[in-house]
């Protein structure tokens, strides 16, 4: 069975939230995630679902923008594949689909952030041809 990829809509938040809870380790309530995702869907954000045997097993967010240093780009955000489906080549297929989708929207580049301690993701992103260009800083106000 081949995986399927689909842009998810705001109405599908009840399917998205459980995967985000797994991704974040339940750091936020369902209500807060629902509120934040609802707002994100009204911005330059798209959520892509990865389906296997018609079951949603993965998600990622895509933010589209134009940046002075790279031009039209997609920022790939919160990539998550259910742990039962990892190491089966699905991540590679997911990213191949994302690249083609973003190119179809005129993107010249893809960028992303990953947590410093997430070593498996670093290896994956290096293998995908990503380079580290800087640090991501955050200050809560």
C-alpha atoms as a PDB file:
ATOM      1  CA  UNK A   1       0.000   0.000   0.000  1.00  0.00           C
ATOM      2  CA  UNK A   2       1.332   3.405  -0.995  1.00  0.00           C
ATOM      3  CA  UNK A   3       1.033   6.324   1.394  1.00  0.00           C
ATOM      4  CA  UNK A   4      -1.297   9.170   0.480  1.00  0.00           C
ATOM      5  CA  UNK A   5      -0.766  12.844   1.187  1.00  0.00           C
ATOM      6  CA  UNK A   6      -3.532  15.377   1.571  1.00  0.00           C
ATOM      7  CA  UNK A   7      -3.945  18.963   2.664  1.00  0.00           C
ATOM      8  CA  UNK A   8      -6.048  18.876   5.818  1.00  0.00           C
ATOM      9  CA  UNK A   9      -8.714  21.469   6.521  1.00  0.00           C
ATOM     10  CA  UNK A  10      -9.646  23.284   9.713  1.00  0.00           C
ATOM     11  CA  UNK A  11     -12.666  20.985  10.065  1.00  0.00           C
ATOM     12  CA  UNK A  12     -10.234  18.076  10.471  1.00  0.00           C
ATOM     13  CA  UNK A  13      -8.652  19.495  13.643  1.00  0.00           C
ATOM     14  CA  UNK A  14     -10.133  16.652  15.733  1.00  0.00           C
ATOM     15  CA  UNK A  15      -7.876  14.284  13.737  1.00  0.00           C
ATOM     16  CA  UNK A  16      -4.827  16.570  13.881  1.00  0.00           C
ATOM     17  CA  UNK A  17      -4.834  17.334  17.627  1.00  0.00           C
ATOM     18  CA  UNK A  18      -4.136  13.748  18.834  1.00  0.00           C
ATOM     19  CA  UNK A  19      -1.012  13.529  16.644  1.00  0.00           C
ATOM     20  CA  UNK A  20       0.142  16.950  17.850  1.00  0.00           C
ATOM     21  CA  UNK A  21      -0.309  15.764  21.429  1.00  0.00           C
ATOM     22  CA  UNK A  22       1.997  12.815  20.694  1.00  0.00           C
ATOM     23  CA  UNK A  23       4.477  15.166  19.014  1.00  0.00           C
ATOM     24  CA  UNK A  24       4.562  17.634  21.897  1.00  0.00           C
ATOM     25  CA  UNK A  25       4.253  15.102  24.711  1.00  0.00           C
ATOM     26  CA  UNK A  26       0.901  16.560  25.803  1.00  0.00           C
ATOM     27  CA  UNK A  27       2.458  19.897  26.800  1.00  0.00           C
ATOM     28  CA  UNK A  28      -0.708  21.817  25.922  1.00  0.00           C
ATOM     29  CA  UNK A  29      -4.378  21.071  26.389  1.00  0.00           C
ATOM     30  CA  UNK A  30      -6.480  19.958  23.454  1.00  0.00           C
ATOM     31  CA  UNK A  31      -8.445  23.195  23.797  1.00  0.00           C
ATOM     32  CA  UNK A  32      -5.325  25.363  23.535  1.00  0.00           C
ATOM     33  CA  UNK A  33      -4.028  23.434  20.512  1.00  0.00           C
ATOM     34  CA  UNK A  34      -7.451  23.701  18.874  1.00  0.00           C
ATOM     35  CA  UNK A  35      -7.462  27.464  19.465  1.00  0.00           C
ATOM     36  CA  UNK A  36      -3.920  27.938  18.126  1.00  0.00           C
ATOM     37  CA  UNK A  37      -4.393  25.714  15.088  1.00  0.00           C
ATOM     38  CA  UNK A  38      -7.670  27.473  14.266  1.00  0.00           C
ATOM     39  CA  UNK A  39      -5.775  30.757  14.169  1.00  0.00           C
ATOM     40  CA  UNK A  40      -2.900  29.231  12.165  1.00  0.00           C
ATOM     41  CA  UNK A  41      -5.323  27.994   9.495  1.00  0.00           C
ATOM     42  CA  UNK A  42      -6.354  31.634   8.957  1.00  0.00           C
ATOM     43  CA  UNK A  43      -2.742  32.607   8.225  1.00  0.00           C
ATOM     44  CA  UNK A  44      -0.239  31.370   5.574  1.00  0.00           C
ATOM     45  CA  UNK A  45      -0.368  27.879   7.063  1.00  0.00           C
ATOM     46  CA  UNK A  46      -1.320  24.528   5.602  1.00  0.00           C
ATOM     47  CA  UNK A  47      -1.411  21.191   7.400  1.00  0.00           C
ATOM     48  CA  UNK A  48      -0.521  18.117   5.358  1.00  0.00           C
ATOM     49  CA  UNK A  49      -1.620  14.658   6.401  1.00  0.00           C
ATOM     50  CA  UNK A  50       0.201  11.403   5.713  1.00  0.00           C
ATOM     51  CA  UNK A  51      -2.227   8.514   5.371  1.00  0.00           C
ATOM     52  CA  UNK A  52      -1.386   4.828   5.307  1.00  0.00           C
ATOM     53  CA  UNK A  53      -4.220   2.361   4.695  1.00  0.00           C
ATOM     54  CA  UNK A  54      -6.547   5.380   4.988  1.00  0.00           C
ATOM     55  CA  UNK A  55      -5.358   6.060   8.566  1.00  0.00           C
ATOM     56  CA  UNK A  56      -3.831   9.446   9.427  1.00  0.00           C
ATOM     57  CA  UNK A  57      -0.372   8.476  10.705  1.00  0.00           C
ATOM     58  CA  UNK A  58       1.576  11.685  10.162  1.00  0.00           C
ATOM     59  CA  UNK A  59       1.286  15.430   9.837  1.00  0.00           C
ATOM     60  CA  UNK A  60       3.391  18.443   9.118  1.00  0.00           C
ATOM     61  CA  UNK A  61       2.752  22.120   8.801  1.00  0.00           C
ATOM     62  CA  UNK A  62       3.811  24.278   5.892  1.00  0.00           C
ATOM     63  CA  UNK A  63       4.277  28.039   6.187  1.00  0.00           C
ATOM     64  CA  UNK A  64       4.633  29.914   2.898  1.00  0.00           C
ATOM     65  CA  UNK A  65       6.460  33.243   2.659  1.00  0.00           C
ATOM     66  CA  UNK A  66       8.960  35.281   0.707  1.00  0.00           C
ATOM     67  CA  UNK A  67      12.234  35.953   2.467  1.00  0.00           C
ATOM     68  CA  UNK A  68      14.920  38.432   1.469  1.00  0.00           C
ATOM     69  CA  UNK A  69      17.727  35.857   1.633  1.00  0.00           C
ATOM     70  CA  UNK A  70      16.126  32.983  -0.311  1.00  0.00           C
ATOM     71  CA  UNK A  71      12.993  34.199  -2.124  1.00  0.00           C
ATOM     72  CA  UNK A  72       9.711  32.292  -2.044  1.00  0.00           C
ATOM     73  CA  UNK A  73      10.056  29.480   0.481  1.00  0.00           C
ATOM     74  CA  UNK A  74       8.233  26.935   2.562  1.00  0.00           C
ATOM     75  CA  UNK A  75       9.002  26.438   6.227  1.00  0.00           C
ATOM     76  CA  UNK A  76       8.320  22.841   7.181  1.00  0.00           C
ATOM     77  CA  UNK A  77       7.019  22.716  10.740  1.00  0.00           C
ATOM     78  CA  UNK A  78       6.095  20.098  13.373  1.00  0.00           C
ATOM     79  CA  UNK A  79       6.831  16.998  11.295  1.00  0.00           C
ATOM     80  CA  UNK A  80       5.451  13.966  13.051  1.00  0.00           C
ATOM     81  CA  UNK A  81       5.008  10.346  11.975  1.00  0.00           C
ATOM     82  CA  UNK A  82       3.482   7.883  14.433  1.00  0.00           C
ATOM     83  CA  UNK A  83       6.275   5.816  15.972  1.00  0.00           C
ATOM     84  CA  UNK A  84       4.680   2.559  14.723  1.00  0.00           C
ATOM     85  CA  UNK A  85       5.289   3.690  11.125  1.00  0.00           C
ATOM     86  CA  UNK A  86       8.830   5.065  11.403  1.00  0.00           C
ATOM     87  CA  UNK A  87      11.887   3.638   9.644  1.00  0.00           C
ATOM     88  CA  UNK A  88       9.811   2.414   6.712  1.00  0.00           C
ATOM     89  CA  UNK A  89      10.808   5.105   4.202  1.00  0.00           C
ATOM     90  CA  UNK A  90       7.595   7.087   4.749  1.00  0.00           C
ATOM     91  CA  UNK A  91       9.456  10.222   5.908  1.00  0.00           C
ATOM     92  CA  UNK A  92      11.470  10.259   2.680  1.00  0.00           C
ATOM     93  CA  UNK A  93       8.273   9.879   0.644  1.00  0.00           C
ATOM     94  CA  UNK A  94       6.582  12.597   2.721  1.00  0.00           C
ATOM     95  CA  UNK A  95       9.405  15.049   2.057  1.00  0.00           C
ATOM     96  CA  UNK A  96       9.554  14.201  -1.657  1.00  0.00           C
ATOM     97  CA  UNK A  97       5.844  15.028  -1.849  1.00  0.00           C
ATOM     98  CA  UNK A  98       6.350  18.256   0.151  1.00  0.00           C
ATOM     99  CA  UNK A  99       9.148  19.437  -2.161  1.00  0.00           C
ATOM    100  CA  UNK A 100       7.045  18.886  -5.271  1.00  0.00           C
ATOM    101  CA  UNK A 101       4.001  20.503  -3.684  1.00  0.00           C
ATOM    102  CA  UNK A 102       6.020  23.570  -2.620  1.00  0.00           C
ATOM    103  CA  UNK A 103       7.671  23.871  -6.045  1.00  0.00           C
ATOM    104  CA  UNK A 104       4.172  23.880  -7.530  1.00  0.00           C
ATOM    105  CA  UNK A 105       3.440  26.925  -5.360  1.00  0.00           C
ATOM    106  CA  UNK A 106       6.551  28.701  -6.680  1.00  0.00           C
ATOM    107  CA  UNK A 107       8.890  27.942  -3.775  1.00  0.00           C
ATOM    108  CA  UNK A 108      12.628  28.073  -4.390  1.00  0.00           C
ATOM    109  CA  UNK A 109      13.694  26.656  -1.031  1.00  0.00           C
ATOM    110  CA  UNK A 110      12.594  24.741   2.044  1.00  0.00           C
ATOM    111  CA  UNK A 111      13.691  25.474   5.584  1.00  0.00           C
ATOM    112  CA  UNK A 112      12.887  24.109   9.010  1.00  0.00           C
ATOM    113  CA  UNK A 113      13.791  24.141  12.685  1.00  0.00           C
ATOM    114  CA  UNK A 114      14.485  21.113  14.824  1.00  0.00           C
ATOM    115  CA  UNK A 115      15.178  20.766  18.511  1.00  0.00           C
ATOM    116  CA  UNK A 116      18.848  20.597  19.469  1.00  0.00           C
ATOM    117  CA  UNK A 117      18.430  17.270  21.275  1.00  0.00           C
ATOM    118  CA  UNK A 118      16.440  15.583  18.467  1.00  0.00           C
ATOM    119  CA  UNK A 119      19.414  13.727  16.969  1.00  0.00           C
ATOM    120  CA  UNK A 120      17.405  11.306  14.776  1.00  0.00           C
ATOM    121  CA  UNK A 121      15.822  14.284  12.994  1.00  0.00           C
ATOM    122  CA  UNK A 122      19.245  15.868  12.428  1.00  0.00           C
ATOM    123  CA  UNK A 123      20.461  12.780  10.592  1.00  0.00           C
ATOM    124  CA  UNK A 124      17.274  12.648   8.522  1.00  0.00           C
ATOM    125  CA  UNK A 125      17.485  16.331   7.549  1.00  0.00           C
ATOM    126  CA  UNK A 126      21.185  16.091   6.672  1.00  0.00           C
ATOM    127  CA  UNK A 127      20.337  13.142   4.430  1.00  0.00           C
ATOM    128  CA  UNK A 128      17.635  15.299   2.829  1.00  0.00           C
ATOM    129  CA  UNK A 129      20.273  17.917   1.935  1.00  0.00           C
ATOM    130  CA  UNK A 130      19.495  20.512   4.597  1.00  0.00           C
ATOM    131  CA  UNK A 131      22.355  22.591   6.015  1.00  0.00           C
ATOM    132  CA  UNK A 132      22.532  24.353   9.362  1.00  0.00           C
ATOM    133  CA  UNK A 133      22.649  28.101   8.762  1.00  0.00           C
ATOM    134  CA  UNK A 134      22.083  29.526  12.230  1.00  0.00           C
ATOM    135  CA  UNK A 135      20.335  29.244  15.554  1.00  0.00           C
ATOM    136  CA  UNK A 136      16.666  29.690  16.349  1.00  0.00           C
ATOM    137  CA  UNK A 137      16.129  31.937  19.368  1.00  0.00           C
ATOM    138  CA  UNK A 138      12.914  32.223  21.376  1.00  0.00           C
ATOM    139  CA  UNK A 139      11.874  34.635  24.077  1.00  0.00           C
ATOM    140  CA  UNK A 140       8.492  34.359  25.753  1.00  0.00           C
ATOM    141  CA  UNK A 141       6.965  37.716  26.642  1.00  0.00           C
END
